[in-house]
Amino acid sequence: MQVKTYPEKPEGIRQPRKVEFYRNGELVVDSRTLWVLFDGQTHRIKRIESEWLNF
């Protein structure tokens, strides 16, 4: 099994990611997930800093 994930353009505090699962080179799952950045010190959600992204 192989998994590939790609960041997409941020949506406010959300960072969408495309996630694909392959079995024997064939795409078997194509999904989109939403991630958020959580600050462990403040225990709050924060925006992803622009230098983290390659857009």
C-alpha atoms as a PDB file:
ATOM      1  CA  MET A   1       0.000   0.000   0.000  1.00  0.00           C
ATOM      2  CA  GLN A   2       1.279   3.463  -0.880  1.00  0.00           C
ATOM      3  CA  VAL A   3      -0.164   6.744   0.439  1.00  0.00           C
ATOM      4  CA  LYS A   4       0.383  10.159  -1.156  1.00  0.00           C
ATOM      5  CA  THR A   5      -0.747  13.484   0.295  1.00  0.00           C
ATOM      6  CA  TYR A   6      -0.631  16.978  -1.188  1.00  0.00           C
ATOM      7  CA  PRO A   7      -1.417  20.352   0.428  1.00  0.00           C
ATOM      8  CA  GLU A   8      -4.042  22.506  -1.260  1.00  0.00           C
ATOM      9  CA  LYS A   9      -4.706  26.247  -0.994  1.00  0.00           C
ATOM     10  CA  PRO A  10      -5.530  27.206   2.640  1.00  0.00           C
ATOM     11  CA  GLU A  11      -9.127  28.077   3.550  1.00  0.00           C
ATOM     12  CA  GLY A  12      -8.748  30.508   6.462  1.00  0.00           C
ATOM     13  CA  ILE A  13      -7.488  28.437   9.390  1.00  0.00           C
ATOM     14  CA  ARG A  14      -8.113  25.173   7.521  1.00  0.00           C
ATOM     15  CA  GLN A  15      -5.444  23.447   5.439  1.00  0.00           C
ATOM     16  CA  PRO A  16      -7.063  21.074   2.946  1.00  0.00           C
ATOM     17  CA  ARG A  17      -4.984  18.089   1.854  1.00  0.00           C
ATOM     18  CA  LYS A  18      -5.600  15.648  -0.948  1.00  0.00           C
ATOM     19  CA  VAL A  19      -4.894  12.076   0.187  1.00  0.00           C
ATOM     20  CA  GLU A  20      -4.566   9.114  -2.191  1.00  0.00           C
ATOM     21  CA  PHE A  21      -4.150   5.414  -1.386  1.00  0.00           C
ATOM     22  CA  TYR A  22      -2.650   3.045  -3.950  1.00  0.00           C
ATOM     23  CA  ARG A  23      -2.552  -0.750  -3.998  1.00  0.00           C
ATOM     24  CA  ASN A  24      -0.244  -2.385  -6.536  1.00  0.00           C
ATOM     25  CA  GLY A  25       0.046   0.971  -8.333  1.00  0.00           C
ATOM     26  CA  GLU A  26      -3.745   1.355  -8.686  1.00  0.00           C
ATOM     27  CA  LEU A  27      -5.574   4.257  -7.026  1.00  0.00           C
ATOM     28  CA  VAL A  28      -8.128   2.746  -4.616  1.00  0.00           C
ATOM     29  CA  VAL A  29      -9.003   5.758  -2.402  1.00  0.00           C
ATOM     30  CA  ASP A  30      -9.059   9.423  -3.401  1.00  0.00           C
ATOM     31  CA  SER A  31      -9.999  11.735  -0.536  1.00  0.00           C
ATOM     32  CA  ARG A  32      -9.706  15.263   0.803  1.00  0.00           C
ATOM     33  CA  THR A  33      -9.043  16.010   4.470  1.00  0.00           C
ATOM     34  CA  LEU A  34      -9.072  19.273   6.434  1.00  0.00           C
ATOM     35  CA  TRP A  35      -6.214  19.908   8.848  1.00  0.00           C
ATOM     36  CA  VAL A  36      -5.803  22.729  11.366  1.00  0.00           C
ATOM     37  CA  LEU A  37      -2.675  23.874  13.178  1.00  0.00           C
ATOM     38  CA  PHE A  38      -2.951  23.571  16.951  1.00  0.00           C
ATOM     39  CA  ASP A  39      -0.588  25.564  19.190  1.00  0.00           C
ATOM     40  CA  GLY A  40       0.453  23.255  22.035  1.00  0.00           C
ATOM     41  CA  GLN A  41       1.487  26.137  24.279  1.00  0.00           C
ATOM     42  CA  THR A  42      -1.656  28.270  24.021  1.00  0.00           C
ATOM     43  CA  HIS A  43      -4.039  25.356  23.334  1.00  0.00           C
ATOM     44  CA  ARG A  44      -5.590  27.355  20.511  1.00  0.00           C
ATOM     45  CA  ILE A  45      -5.972  26.874  16.785  1.00  0.00           C
ATOM     46  CA  LYS A  46      -3.876  29.257  14.692  1.00  0.00           C
ATOM     47  CA  ARG A  47      -3.384  30.096  11.027  1.00  0.00           C
ATOM     48  CA  ILE A  48      -0.718  28.242   9.108  1.00  0.00           C
ATOM     49  CA  GLU A  49       2.174  30.597   8.437  1.00  0.00           C
ATOM     50  CA  SER A  50       2.718  31.438   4.774  1.00  0.00           C
ATOM     51  CA  GLU A  51       6.355  30.272   4.750  1.00  0.00           C
ATOM     52  CA  TRP A  52       5.127  26.730   5.483  1.00  0.00           C
ATOM     53  CA  LEU A  53       3.294  26.674   2.158  1.00  0.00           C
ATOM     54  CA  ASN A  54       4.787  26.506  -1.336  1.00  0.00           C
ATOM     55  CA  PHE A  55       2.097  28.298  -3.339  1.00  0.00           C
END
